[in-house]
Amino acid sequence: QVQLVESGGGLVQAGGSLRLSCAASGSIFSIDTVGWYRQAPGNQRELVARIISGGSTNYVDSVKGRFTISRDNAKNTVYLQMNSLKPEDTAVYYCNAVIRRLDALTTSFSYWGQGTQVTVSS
């Protein structure tokens, strides 16, 4: 069917940068909205950034000016460039994509990746 695979997480010092990737594969007709979420221990999962098919983007206030979400439609991949990282950015980052499949063109499905750990040391 469809799979989302995140990559690019790791351990970085405060002030450093990471770029996360979310690659979609499978029976894909189109990818509509893609969001990056994060969940720290004891916290609820929160939306960090979102990009819709037309390219418009939204960010949670805490990451504005530091994170940039972008997409490469030819590669079915969405990126999250994270700069000036802070210890409070430490979390598991998940991508979520709303996708229309080749076998169900009129229906949108929501898929989640497995998550990638981002740890920012002070």
PDB file of N, CA and C in Angstrom:
ATOM      1  N   GLN A   1       0.842  -1.190   0.000  1.00  0.00           N
ATOM      2  CA  GLN A   1       0.000   0.000   0.000  1.00  0.00           C
ATOM      3  C   GLN A   1       0.881   1.246   0.000  1.00  0.00           C
ATOM      4  N   VAL A   2       0.907   1.964   1.123  1.00  0.00           N
ATOM      5  CA  VAL A   2       1.697   3.181   1.234  1.00  0.00           C
ATOM      6  C   VAL A   2       2.529   3.127   2.499  1.00  0.00           C
ATOM      7  N   GLN A   3       3.755   3.557   2.400  1.00  0.00           N
ATOM      8  CA  GLN A   3       4.637   3.651   3.564  1.00  0.00           C
ATOM      9  C   GLN A   3       5.250   5.034   3.651  1.00  0.00           C
ATOM     10  N   LEU A   4       5.415   5.503   4.873  1.00  0.00           N
ATOM     11  CA  LEU A   4       6.155   6.726   5.144  1.00  0.00           C
ATOM     12  C   LEU A   4       7.366   6.352   5.971  1.00  0.00           C
ATOM     13  N   VAL A   5       8.519   6.813   5.557  1.00  0.00           N
ATOM     14  CA  VAL A   5       9.747   6.510   6.280  1.00  0.00           C
ATOM     15  C   VAL A   5      10.458   7.819   6.594  1.00  0.00           C
ATOM     16  N   GLU A   6      10.647   8.059   7.905  1.00  0.00           N
ATOM     17  CA  GLU A   6      11.383   9.253   8.333  1.00  0.00           C
ATOM     18  C   GLU A   6      12.847   8.911   8.524  1.00  0.00           C
ATOM     19  N   SER A   7      13.686   9.892   8.330  1.00  0.00           N
ATOM     20  CA  SER A   7      15.109   9.726   8.584  1.00  0.00           C
ATOM     21  C   SER A   7      15.703  11.085   8.908  1.00  0.00           C
ATOM     22  N   GLY A   8      16.931  11.066   9.415  1.00  0.00           N
ATOM     23  CA  GLY A   8      17.649  12.308   9.649  1.00  0.00           C
ATOM     24  C   GLY A   8      17.750  12.740  11.100  1.00  0.00           C
ATOM     25  N   GLY A   9      17.107  12.012  11.988  1.00  0.00           N
ATOM     26  CA  GLY A   9      17.204  12.363  13.397  1.00  0.00           C
ATOM     27  C   GLY A   9      18.584  12.046  13.945  1.00  0.00           C
ATOM     28  N   GLY A  10      18.817  12.471  15.180  1.00  0.00           N
ATOM     29  CA  GLY A  10      20.093  12.201  15.813  1.00  0.00           C
ATOM     30  C   GLY A  10      20.326  13.074  17.016  1.00  0.00           C
ATOM     31  N   LEU A  11      21.565  13.087  17.454  1.00  0.00           N
ATOM     32  CA  LEU A  11      21.987  13.879  18.608  1.00  0.00           C
ATOM     33  C   LEU A  11      22.786  15.078  18.112  1.00  0.00           C
ATOM     34  N   VAL A  12      22.407  16.253  18.579  1.00  0.00           N
ATOM     35  CA  VAL A  12      23.081  17.472  18.148  1.00  0.00           C
ATOM     36  C   VAL A  12      23.174  18.420  19.331  1.00  0.00           C
ATOM     37  N   GLN A  13      24.187  19.260  19.343  1.00  0.00           N
ATOM     38  CA  GLN A  13      24.315  20.256  20.401  1.00  0.00           C
ATOM     39  C   GLN A  13      23.386  21.434  20.136  1.00  0.00           C
ATOM     40  N   ALA A  14      23.042  22.114  21.197  1.00  0.00           N
ATOM     41  CA  ALA A  14      22.213  23.306  21.062  1.00  0.00           C
ATOM     42  C   ALA A  14      22.864  24.286  20.090  1.00  0.00           C
ATOM     43  N   GLY A  15      22.032  24.852  19.221  1.00  0.00           N
ATOM     44  CA  GLY A  15      22.526  25.743  18.187  1.00  0.00           C
ATOM     45  C   GLY A  15      22.817  25.057  16.873  1.00  0.00           C
ATOM     46  N   GLY A  16      22.820  23.741  16.885  1.00  0.00           N
ATOM     47  CA  GLY A  16      23.114  22.984  15.685  1.00  0.00           C
ATOM     48  C   GLY A  16      21.901  22.804  14.783  1.00  0.00           C
ATOM     49  N   SER A  17      22.091  22.015  13.729  1.00  0.00           N
ATOM     50  CA  SER A  17      21.051  21.826  12.726  1.00  0.00           C
ATOM     51  C   SER A  17      20.884  20.349  12.392  1.00  0.00           C
ATOM     52  N   LEU A  18      19.689  20.005  11.986  1.00  0.00           N
ATOM     53  CA  LEU A  18      19.385  18.692  11.447  1.00  0.00           C
ATOM     54  C   LEU A  18      18.369  18.875  10.326  1.00  0.00           C
ATOM     55  N   ARG A  19      18.389  17.942   9.380  1.00  0.00           N
ATOM     56  CA  ARG A  19      17.354  17.936   8.351  1.00  0.00           C
ATOM     57  C   ARG A  19      16.665  16.581   8.377  1.00  0.00           C
ATOM     58  N   LEU A  20      15.385  16.599   8.639  1.00  0.00           N
ATOM     59  CA  LEU A  20      14.580  15.383   8.629  1.00  0.00           C
ATOM     60  C   LEU A  20      13.971  15.190   7.245  1.00  0.00           C
ATOM     61  N   SER A  21      13.834  13.929   6.870  1.00  0.00           N
ATOM     62  CA  SER A  21      13.188  13.581   5.607  1.00  0.00           C
ATOM     63  C   SER A  21      12.033  12.639   5.876  1.00  0.00           C
ATOM     64  N   CYS A  22      10.994  12.791   5.089  1.00  0.00           N
ATOM     65  CA  CYS A  22       9.831  11.895   5.152  1.00  0.00           C
ATOM     66  C   CYS A  22       9.556  11.456   3.718  1.00  0.00           C
ATOM     67  N   ALA A  23       9.857  10.205   3.435  1.00  0.00           N
ATOM     68  CA  ALA A  23       9.707   9.686   2.079  1.00  0.00           C
ATOM     69  C   ALA A  23       8.505   8.759   2.006  1.00  0.00           C
ATOM     70  N   ALA A  24       7.642   9.038   1.053  1.00  0.00           N
ATOM     71  CA  ALA A  24       6.453   8.212   0.847  1.00  0.00           C
ATOM     72  C   ALA A  24       6.671   7.295  -0.346  1.00  0.00           C
ATOM     73  N   SER A  25       6.204   6.062  -0.206  1.00  0.00           N
ATOM     74  CA  SER A  25       6.332   5.106  -1.304  1.00  0.00           C
ATOM     75  C   SER A  25       5.088   4.238  -1.363  1.00  0.00           C
ATOM     76  N   GLY A  26       4.884   3.629  -2.524  1.00  0.00           N
ATOM     77  CA  GLY A  26       3.739   2.753  -2.685  1.00  0.00           C
ATOM     78  C   GLY A  26       2.804   3.231  -3.759  1.00  0.00           C
ATOM     79  N   SER A  27       1.556   2.861  -3.621  1.00  0.00           N
ATOM     80  CA  SER A  27       0.537   3.134  -4.629  1.00  0.00           C
ATOM     81  C   SER A  27      -0.037   4.543  -4.459  1.00  0.00           C
ATOM     82  N   ILE A  28       0.767   5.529  -4.811  1.00  0.00           N
ATOM     83  CA  ILE A  28       0.418   6.930  -4.549  1.00  0.00           C
ATOM     84  C   ILE A  28      -0.073   7.624  -5.803  1.00  0.00           C
ATOM     85  N   PHE A  29      -1.254   8.235  -5.701  1.00  0.00           N
ATOM     86  CA  PHE A  29      -1.729   9.102  -6.784  1.00  0.00           C
ATOM     87  C   PHE A  29      -1.316  10.551  -6.521  1.00  0.00           C
ATOM     88  N   SER A  30      -1.565  10.998  -5.311  1.00  0.00           N
ATOM     89  CA  SER A  30      -1.168  12.364  -4.958  1.00  0.00           C
ATOM     90  C   SER A  30      -0.983  12.466  -3.446  1.00  0.00           C
ATOM     91  N   ILE A  31      -0.131  13.393  -3.054  1.00  0.00           N
ATOM     92  CA  ILE A  31       0.090  13.680  -1.644  1.00  0.00           C
ATOM     93  C   ILE A  31      -0.425  15.084  -1.370  1.00  0.00           C
ATOM     94  N   ASP A  32      -1.360  15.198  -0.489  1.00  0.00           N
ATOM     95  CA  ASP A  32      -1.949  16.505  -0.191  1.00  0.00           C
ATOM     96  C   ASP A  32      -1.186  17.150   0.955  1.00  0.00           C
ATOM     97  N   THR A  33      -1.774  17.247   2.106  1.00  0.00           N
ATOM     98  CA  THR A  33      -1.121  17.895   3.233  1.00  0.00           C
ATOM     99  C   THR A  33      -0.142  16.943   3.919  1.00  0.00           C
ATOM    100  N   VAL A  34       1.033  17.476   4.264  1.00  0.00           N
ATOM    101  CA  VAL A  34       2.012  16.719   5.040  1.00  0.00           C
ATOM    102  C   VAL A  34       2.392  17.554   6.264  1.00  0.00           C
ATOM    103  N   GLY A  35       2.376  16.911   7.381  1.00  0.00           N
ATOM    104  CA  GLY A  35       2.739  17.601   8.624  1.00  0.00           C
ATOM    105  C   GLY A  35       3.847  16.886   9.361  1.00  0.00           C
ATOM    106  N   TRP A  36       4.677  17.664  10.012  1.00  0.00           N
ATOM    107  CA  TRP A  36       5.667  17.127  10.953  1.00  0.00           C
ATOM    108  C   TRP A  36       5.144  17.381  12.359  1.00  0.00           C
ATOM    109  N   TYR A  37       5.109  16.342  13.156  1.00  0.00           N
ATOM    110  CA  TYR A  37       4.666  16.408  14.545  1.00  0.00           C
ATOM    111  C   TYR A  37       5.828  15.973  15.435  1.00  0.00           C
ATOM    112  N   ARG A  38       5.728  16.316  16.697  1.00  0.00           N
ATOM    113  CA  ARG A  38       6.718  15.829  17.644  1.00  0.00           C
ATOM    114  C   ARG A  38       6.047  15.506  18.968  1.00  0.00           C
ATOM    115  N   GLN A  39       6.670  14.575  19.663  1.00  0.00           N
ATOM    116  CA  GLN A  39       6.162  14.172  20.972  1.00  0.00           C
ATOM    117  C   GLN A  39       7.324  13.931  21.907  1.00  0.00           C
ATOM    118  N   ALA A  40       7.368  14.733  22.957  1.00  0.00           N
ATOM    119  CA  ALA A  40       8.369  14.561  23.994  1.00  0.00           C
ATOM    120  C   ALA A  40       7.763  13.711  25.115  1.00  0.00           C
ATOM    121  N   PRO A  41       8.591  13.040  25.900  1.00  0.00           N
ATOM    122  CA  PRO A  41       8.072  12.203  26.988  1.00  0.00           C
ATOM    123  C   PRO A  41       7.157  12.993  27.914  1.00  0.00           C
ATOM    124  N   GLY A  42       5.982  12.428  28.168  1.00  0.00           N
ATOM    125  CA  GLY A  42       5.033  13.076  29.062  1.00  0.00           C
ATOM    126  C   GLY A  42       4.195  14.162  28.420  1.00  0.00           C
ATOM    127  N   ASN A  43       4.468  14.442  27.151  1.00  0.00           N
ATOM    128  CA  ASN A  43       3.727  15.497  26.448  1.00  0.00           C
ATOM    129  C   ASN A  43       2.834  14.914  25.362  1.00  0.00           C
ATOM    130  N   GLN A  44       1.851  15.699  24.984  1.00  0.00           N
ATOM    131  CA  GLN A  44       1.022  15.298  23.861  1.00  0.00           C
ATOM    132  C   GLN A  44       1.764  15.553  22.552  1.00  0.00           C
ATOM    133  N   ARG A  45       1.368  14.820  21.520  1.00  0.00           N
ATOM    134  CA  ARG A  45       1.942  15.046  20.207  1.00  0.00           C
ATOM    135  C   ARG A  45       1.452  16.402  19.695  1.00  0.00           C
ATOM    136  N   GLU A  46       2.389  17.208  19.187  1.00  0.00           N
ATOM    137  CA  GLU A  46       2.020  18.519  18.692  1.00  0.00           C
ATOM    138  C   GLU A  46       2.460  18.693  17.250  1.00  0.00           C
ATOM    139  N   LEU A  47       1.672  19.471  16.527  1.00  0.00           N
ATOM    140  CA  LEU A  47       2.004  19.797  15.150  1.00  0.00           C
ATOM    141  C   LEU A  47       3.100  20.857  15.150  1.00  0.00           C
ATOM    142  N   VAL A  48       4.172  20.580  14.442  1.00  0.00           N
ATOM    143  CA  VAL A  48       5.303  21.502  14.363  1.00  0.00           C
ATOM    144  C   VAL A  48       5.239  22.347  13.094  1.00  0.00           C
ATOM    145  N   ALA A  49       4.990  21.690  11.972  1.00  0.00           N
ATOM    146  CA  ALA A  49       4.950  22.394  10.694  1.00  0.00           C
ATOM    147  C   ALA A  49       4.099  21.594   9.725  1.00  0.00           C
ATOM    148  N   ARG A  50       3.511  22.312   8.784  1.00  0.00           N
ATOM    149  CA  ARG A  50       2.630  21.653   7.828  1.00  0.00           C
ATOM    150  C   ARG A  50       2.800  22.324   6.471  1.00  0.00           C
ATOM    151  N   ILE A  51       2.707  21.514   5.414  1.00  0.00           N
ATOM    152  CA  ILE A  51       2.773  22.049   4.060  1.00  0.00           C
ATOM    153  C   ILE A  51       1.660  21.402   3.256  1.00  0.00           C
ATOM    154  N   ILE A  52       0.926  22.222   2.522  1.00  0.00           N
ATOM    155  CA  ILE A  52      -0.154  21.680   1.716  1.00  0.00           C
ATOM    156  C   ILE A  52       0.319  21.536   0.270  1.00  0.00           C
ATOM    157  N   SER A  53      -0.519  20.933  -0.548  1.00  0.00           N
ATOM    158  CA  SER A  53      -0.100  20.598  -1.902  1.00  0.00           C
ATOM    159  C   SER A  53       0.304  21.823  -2.708  1.00  0.00           C
ATOM    160  N   GLY A  54      -0.302  22.967  -2.447  1.00  0.00           N
ATOM    161  CA  GLY A  54       0.030  24.178  -3.187  1.00  0.00           C
ATOM    162  C   GLY A  54       1.304  24.845  -2.718  1.00  0.00           C
ATOM    163  N   GLY A  55       1.848  24.367  -1.604  1.00  0.00           N
ATOM    164  CA  GLY A  55       3.101  24.912  -1.101  1.00  0.00           C
ATOM    165  C   GLY A  55       2.966  25.811   0.105  1.00  0.00           C
ATOM    166  N   SER A  56       1.757  26.159   0.506  1.00  0.00           N
ATOM    167  CA  SER A  56       1.593  26.991   1.700  1.00  0.00           C
ATOM    168  C   SER A  56       2.058  26.237   2.938  1.00  0.00           C
ATOM    169  N   THR A  57       2.606  26.977   3.873  1.00  0.00           N
ATOM    170  CA  THR A  57       3.165  26.363   5.070  1.00  0.00           C
ATOM    171  C   THR A  57       2.631  27.033   6.338  1.00  0.00           C
ATOM    172  N   ASN A  58       2.632  26.249   7.418  1.00  0.00           N
ATOM    173  CA  ASN A  58       2.274  26.753   8.741  1.00  0.00           C
ATOM    174  C   ASN A  58       3.268  26.213   9.740  1.00  0.00           C
ATOM    175  N   TYR A  59       3.543  26.990  10.783  1.00  0.00           N
ATOM    176  CA  TYR A  59       4.488  26.583  11.817  1.00  0.00           C
ATOM    177  C   TYR A  59       3.914  26.913  13.190  1.00  0.00           C
ATOM    178  N   VAL A  60       4.268  26.084  14.158  1.00  0.00           N
ATOM    179  CA  VAL A  60       3.957  26.433  15.529  1.00  0.00           C
ATOM    180  C   VAL A  60       4.878  27.589  15.917  1.00  0.00           C
ATOM    181  N   ASP A  61       4.394  28.459  16.772  1.00  0.00           N
ATOM    182  CA  ASP A  61       5.148  29.675  17.097  1.00  0.00           C
ATOM    183  C   ASP A  61       6.563  29.386  17.596  1.00  0.00           C
ATOM    184  N   SER A  62       6.740  28.306  18.333  1.00  0.00           N
ATOM    185  CA  SER A  62       8.033  28.031  18.960  1.00  0.00           C
ATOM    186  C   SER A  62       9.142  27.709  17.952  1.00  0.00           C
ATOM    187  N   VAL A  63       8.788  27.400  16.715  1.00  0.00           N
ATOM    188  CA  VAL A  63       9.810  27.049  15.730  1.00  0.00           C
ATOM    189  C   VAL A  63       9.895  28.051  14.582  1.00  0.00           C
ATOM    190  N   LYS A  64       9.026  29.031  14.569  1.00  0.00           N
ATOM    191  CA  LYS A  64       9.045  30.016  13.481  1.00  0.00           C
ATOM    192  C   LYS A  64      10.401  30.715  13.418  1.00  0.00           C
ATOM    193  N   GLY A  65      10.928  30.814  12.202  1.00  0.00           N
ATOM    194  CA  GLY A  65      12.231  31.429  12.008  1.00  0.00           C
ATOM    195  C   GLY A  65      13.390  30.476  12.176  1.00  0.00           C
ATOM    196  N   ARG A  66      13.134  29.288  12.696  1.00  0.00           N
ATOM    197  CA  ARG A  66      14.213  28.310  12.897  1.00  0.00           C
ATOM    198  C   ARG A  66      14.018  27.065  12.026  1.00  0.00           C
ATOM    199  N   PHE A  67      12.777  26.642  11.833  1.00  0.00           N
ATOM    200  CA  PHE A  67      12.477  25.435  11.057  1.00  0.00           C
ATOM    201  C   PHE A  67      11.870  25.824   9.715  1.00  0.00           C
ATOM    202  N   THR A  68      12.165  25.021   8.701  1.00  0.00           N
ATOM    203  CA  THR A  68      11.581  25.227   7.381  1.00  0.00           C
ATOM    204  C   THR A  68      11.113  23.892   6.829  1.00  0.00           C
ATOM    205  N   ILE A  69       9.861  23.839   6.434  1.00  0.00           N
ATOM    206  CA  ILE A  69       9.318  22.634   5.813  1.00  0.00           C
ATOM    207  C   ILE A  69       9.277  22.851   4.306  1.00  0.00           C
ATOM    208  N   SER A  70       9.629  21.810   3.558  1.00  0.00           N
ATOM    209  CA  SER A  70       9.610  21.901   2.104  1.00  0.00           C
ATOM    210  C   SER A  70       9.277  20.536   1.527  1.00  0.00           C
ATOM    211  N   ARG A  71       8.943  20.509   0.250  1.00  0.00           N
ATOM    212  CA  ARG A  71       8.591  19.228  -0.360  1.00  0.00           C
ATOM    213  C   ARG A  71       9.200  19.130  -1.752  1.00  0.00           C
ATOM    214  N   ASP A  72       9.535  17.891  -2.119  1.00  0.00           N
ATOM    215  CA  ASP A  72       9.998  17.563  -3.464  1.00  0.00           C
ATOM    216  C   ASP A  72       8.971  16.594  -4.022  1.00  0.00           C
ATOM    217  N   ASN A  73       8.062  17.116  -4.825  1.00  0.00           N
ATOM    218  CA  ASN A  73       6.966  16.286  -5.317  1.00  0.00           C
ATOM    219  C   ASN A  73       7.457  15.150  -6.215  1.00  0.00           C
ATOM    220  N   ALA A  74       8.531  15.383  -6.943  1.00  0.00           N
ATOM    221  CA  ALA A  74       9.060  14.343  -7.833  1.00  0.00           C
ATOM    222  C   ALA A  74       9.563  13.138  -7.035  1.00  0.00           C
ATOM    223  N   LYS A  75      10.009  13.401  -5.813  1.00  0.00           N
ATOM    224  CA  LYS A  75      10.544  12.324  -4.971  1.00  0.00           C
ATOM    225  C   LYS A  75       9.561  11.880  -3.902  1.00  0.00           C
ATOM    226  N   ASN A  76       8.376  12.479  -3.879  1.00  0.00           N
ATOM    227  CA  ASN A  76       7.390  12.166  -2.830  1.00  0.00           C
ATOM    228  C   ASN A  76       8.019  12.289  -1.443  1.00  0.00           C
ATOM    229  N   THR A  77       8.769  13.328  -1.259  1.00  0.00           N
ATOM    230  CA  THR A  77       9.521  13.513  -0.014  1.00  0.00           C
ATOM    231  C   THR A  77       9.286  14.912   0.537  1.00  0.00           C
ATOM    232  N   VAL A  78       9.126  14.979   1.839  1.00  0.00           N
ATOM    233  CA  VAL A  78       8.997  16.246   2.545  1.00  0.00           C
ATOM    234  C   VAL A  78      10.143  16.354   3.538  1.00  0.00           C
ATOM    235  N   TYR A  79      10.690  17.555   3.648  1.00  0.00           N
ATOM    236  CA  TYR A  79      11.835  17.789   4.515  1.00  0.00           C
ATOM    237  C   TYR A  79      11.469  18.761   5.639  1.00  0.00           C
ATOM    238  N   LEU A  80      12.183  18.640   6.736  1.00  0.00           N
ATOM    239  CA  LEU A  80      12.080  19.618   7.808  1.00  0.00           C
ATOM    240  C   LEU A  80      13.506  20.028   8.164  1.00  0.00           C
ATOM    241  N   GLN A  81      13.883  21.207   7.726  1.00  0.00           N
ATOM    242  CA  GLN A  81      15.190  21.746   8.071  1.00  0.00           C
ATOM    243  C   GLN A  81      15.071  22.441   9.420  1.00  0.00           C
ATOM    244  N   MET A  82      15.869  21.990  10.368  1.00  0.00           N
ATOM    245  CA  MET A  82      15.803  22.522  11.726  1.00  0.00           C
ATOM    246  C   MET A  82      17.127  23.184  12.068  1.00  0.00           C
ATOM    247  N   ASN A  83      17.092  24.472  12.265  1.00  0.00           N
ATOM    248  CA  ASN A  83      18.280  25.246  12.610  1.00  0.00           C
ATOM    249  C   ASN A  83      18.138  25.819  14.013  1.00  0.00           C
ATOM    250  N   SER A  84      19.250  26.250  14.561  1.00  0.00           N
ATOM    251  CA  SER A  84      19.261  26.860  15.899  1.00  0.00           C
ATOM    252  C   SER A  84      18.499  25.998  16.899  1.00  0.00           C
ATOM    253  N   LEU A  85      18.805  24.732  16.900  1.00  0.00           N
ATOM    254  CA  LEU A  85      18.072  23.792  17.748  1.00  0.00           C
ATOM    255  C   LEU A  85      18.283  24.082  19.216  1.00  0.00           C
ATOM    256  N   LYS A  86      17.238  23.833  19.985  1.00  0.00           N
ATOM    257  CA  LYS A  86      17.251  24.060  21.424  1.00  0.00           C
ATOM    258  C   LYS A  86      16.959  22.751  22.145  1.00  0.00           C
ATOM    259  N   PRO A  87      17.385  22.617  23.386  1.00  0.00           N
ATOM    260  CA  PRO A  87      17.077  21.389  24.139  1.00  0.00           C
ATOM    261  C   PRO A  87      15.574  21.086  24.172  1.00  0.00           C
ATOM    262  N   GLU A  88      14.747  22.103  24.186  1.00  0.00           N
ATOM    263  CA  GLU A  88      13.304  21.872  24.226  1.00  0.00           C
ATOM    264  C   GLU A  88      12.750  21.334  22.910  1.00  0.00           C
ATOM    265  N   ASP A  89      13.575  21.266  21.866  1.00  0.00           N
ATOM    266  CA  ASP A  89      13.162  20.630  20.611  1.00  0.00           C
ATOM    267  C   ASP A  89      13.324  19.110  20.675  1.00  0.00           C
ATOM    268  N   THR A  90      13.906  18.611  21.738  1.00  0.00           N
ATOM    269  CA  THR A  90      14.105  17.167  21.885  1.00  0.00           C
ATOM    270  C   THR A  90      12.768  16.449  21.918  1.00  0.00           C
ATOM    271  N   ALA A  91      12.613  15.464  21.034  1.00  0.00           N
ATOM    272  CA  ALA A  91      11.360  14.728  20.923  1.00  0.00           C
ATOM    273  C   ALA A  91      11.515  13.668  19.843  1.00  0.00           C
ATOM    274  N   VAL A  92      10.523  12.805  19.758  1.00  0.00           N
ATOM    275  CA  VAL A  92      10.391  11.938  18.584  1.00  0.00           C
ATOM    276  C   VAL A  92       9.573  12.714  17.560  1.00  0.00           C
ATOM    277  N   TYR A  93      10.089  12.811  16.358  1.00  0.00           N
ATOM    278  CA  TYR A  93       9.428  13.544  15.288  1.00  0.00           C
ATOM    279  C   TYR A  93       8.764  12.553  14.331  1.00  0.00           C
ATOM    280  N   TYR A  94       7.506  12.818  14.032  1.00  0.00           N
ATOM    281  CA  TYR A  94       6.720  11.971  13.149  1.00  0.00           C
ATOM    282  C   TYR A  94       6.229  12.787  11.962  1.00  0.00           C
ATOM    283  N   CYS A  95       6.145  12.152  10.814  1.00  0.00           N
ATOM    284  CA  CYS A  95       5.459  12.817   9.714  1.00  0.00           C
ATOM    285  C   CYS A  95       4.110  12.139   9.482  1.00  0.00           C
ATOM    286  N   ASN A  96       3.188  12.955   9.039  1.00  0.00           N
ATOM    287  CA  ASN A  96       1.854  12.488   8.697  1.00  0.00           C
ATOM    288  C   ASN A  96       1.516  13.027   7.320  1.00  0.00           C
ATOM    289  N   ALA A  97       0.991  12.165   6.470  1.00  0.00           N
ATOM    290  CA  ALA A  97       0.656  12.590   5.115  1.00  0.00           C
ATOM    291  C   ALA A  97      -0.765  12.165   4.758  1.00  0.00           C
ATOM    292  N   VAL A  98      -1.464  13.068   4.111  1.00  0.00           N
ATOM    293  CA  VAL A  98      -2.792  12.762   3.574  1.00  0.00           C
ATOM    294  C   VAL A  98      -2.598  12.437   2.103  1.00  0.00           C
ATOM    295  N   ILE A  99      -2.933  11.206   1.748  1.00  0.00           N
ATOM    296  CA  ILE A  99      -2.567  10.673   0.436  1.00  0.00           C
ATOM    297  C   ILE A  99      -3.780  10.095  -0.253  1.00  0.00           C
ATOM    298  N   ARG A 100      -3.847  10.303  -1.566  1.00  0.00           N
ATOM    299  CA  ARG A 100      -4.821   9.578  -2.381  1.00  0.00           C
ATOM    300  C   ARG A 100      -4.089   8.476  -3.130  1.00  0.00           C
ATOM    301  N   ARG A 101      -4.640   7.287  -3.035  1.00  0.00           N
ATOM    302  CA  ARG A 101      -3.998   6.107  -3.641  1.00  0.00           C
ATOM    303  C   ARG A 101      -4.526   5.858  -5.034  1.00  0.00           C
ATOM    304  N   LEU A 102      -3.732   5.152  -5.814  1.00  0.00           N
ATOM    305  CA  LEU A 102      -4.120   4.805  -7.186  1.00  0.00           C
ATOM    306  C   LEU A 102      -5.355   3.912  -7.213  1.00  0.00           C
ATOM    307  N   ASP A 103      -5.564   3.128  -6.152  1.00  0.00           N
ATOM    308  CA  ASP A 103      -6.713   2.214  -6.136  1.00  0.00           C
ATOM    309  C   ASP A 103      -7.945   2.829  -5.494  1.00  0.00           C
ATOM    310  N   ALA A 104      -7.837   4.104  -5.080  1.00  0.00           N
ATOM    311  CA  ALA A 104      -8.982   4.760  -4.426  1.00  0.00           C
ATOM    312  C   ALA A 104      -8.848   6.263  -4.624  1.00  0.00           C
ATOM    313  N   LEU A 105      -9.020   6.718  -5.860  1.00  0.00           N
ATOM    314  CA  LEU A 105      -8.687   8.094  -6.221  1.00  0.00           C
ATOM    315  C   LEU A 105      -9.552   9.129  -5.522  1.00  0.00           C
ATOM    316  N   THR A 106     -10.756   8.768  -5.137  1.00  0.00           N
ATOM    317  CA  THR A 106     -11.658   9.763  -4.551  1.00  0.00           C
ATOM    318  C   THR A 106     -11.615   9.777  -3.036  1.00  0.00           C
ATOM    319  N   THR A 107     -10.749   8.976  -2.449  1.00  0.00           N
ATOM    320  CA  THR A 107     -10.677   8.880  -0.990  1.00  0.00           C
ATOM    321  C   THR A 107      -9.288   9.290  -0.517  1.00  0.00           C
ATOM    322  N   SER A 108      -9.227  10.084   0.542  1.00  0.00           N
ATOM    323  CA  SER A 108      -7.944  10.472   1.134  1.00  0.00           C
ATOM    324  C   SER A 108      -7.684   9.627   2.373  1.00  0.00           C
ATOM    325  N   PHE A 109      -6.462   9.173   2.498  1.00  0.00           N
ATOM    326  CA  PHE A 109      -6.052   8.360   3.639  1.00  0.00           C
ATOM    327  C   PHE A 109      -4.939   9.087   4.388  1.00  0.00           C
ATOM    328  N   SER A 110      -4.923   8.900   5.692  1.00  0.00           N
ATOM    329  CA  SER A 110      -3.900   9.505   6.537  1.00  0.00           C
ATOM    330  C   SER A 110      -2.904   8.435   6.959  1.00  0.00           C
ATOM    331  N   TYR A 111      -1.628   8.720   6.756  1.00  0.00           N
ATOM    332  CA  TYR A 111      -0.576   7.780   7.105  1.00  0.00           C
ATOM    333  C   TYR A 111       0.431   8.442   8.042  1.00  0.00           C
ATOM    334  N   TRP A 112       0.994   7.614   8.931  1.00  0.00           N
ATOM    335  CA  TRP A 112       2.025   8.062   9.865  1.00  0.00           C
ATOM    336  C   TRP A 112       3.313   7.278   9.621  1.00  0.00           C
ATOM    337  N   GLY A 113       4.422   7.962   9.795  1.00  0.00           N
ATOM    338  CA  GLY A 113       5.693   7.283   9.793  1.00  0.00           C
ATOM    339  C   GLY A 113       5.989   6.713  11.175  1.00  0.00           C
ATOM    340  N   GLN A 114       7.135   6.046  11.284  1.00  0.00           N
ATOM    341  CA  GLN A 114       7.478   5.356  12.526  1.00  0.00           C
ATOM    342  C   GLN A 114       8.133   6.281  13.545  1.00  0.00           C
ATOM    343  N   GLY A 115       8.541   7.453  13.119  1.00  0.00           N
ATOM    344  CA  GLY A 115       9.163   8.418  14.017  1.00  0.00           C
ATOM    345  C   GLY A 115      10.674   8.361  13.976  1.00  0.00           C
ATOM    346  N   THR A 116      11.286   9.500  14.249  1.00  0.00           N
ATOM    347  CA  THR A 116      12.739   9.580  14.334  1.00  0.00           C
ATOM    348  C   THR A 116      13.102  10.458  15.533  1.00  0.00           C
ATOM    349  N   GLN A 117      14.058   9.996  16.314  1.00  0.00           N
ATOM    350  CA  GLN A 117      14.416  10.692  17.553  1.00  0.00           C
ATOM    351  C   GLN A 117      15.347  11.860  17.264  1.00  0.00           C
ATOM    352  N   VAL A 118      15.006  12.986  17.825  1.00  0.00           N
ATOM    353  CA  VAL A 118      15.868  14.171  17.795  1.00  0.00           C
ATOM    354  C   VAL A 118      16.212  14.524  19.241  1.00  0.00           C
ATOM    355  N   THR A 119      17.501  14.572  19.536  1.00  0.00           N
ATOM    356  CA  THR A 119      17.954  14.915  20.871  1.00  0.00           C
ATOM    357  C   THR A 119      18.915  16.094  20.773  1.00  0.00           C
ATOM    358  N   VAL A 120      18.601  17.158  21.502  1.00  0.00           N
ATOM    359  CA  VAL A 120      19.432  18.361  21.494  1.00  0.00           C
ATOM    360  C   VAL A 120      20.039  18.526  22.882  1.00  0.00           C
ATOM    361  N   SER A 121      21.343  18.481  22.953  1.00  0.00           N
ATOM    362  CA  SER A 121      22.022  18.607  24.233  1.00  0.00           C
ATOM    363  C   SER A 121      22.381  20.069  24.509  1.00  0.00           C
ATOM    364  N   SER A 122      22.384  20.400  25.780  1.00  0.00           N
ATOM    365  CA  SER A 122      22.677  21.802  26.162  1.00  0.00           C
ATOM    366  C   SER A 122      24.166  22.027  26.371  1.00  0.00           C
TER     367      SER A 122
END
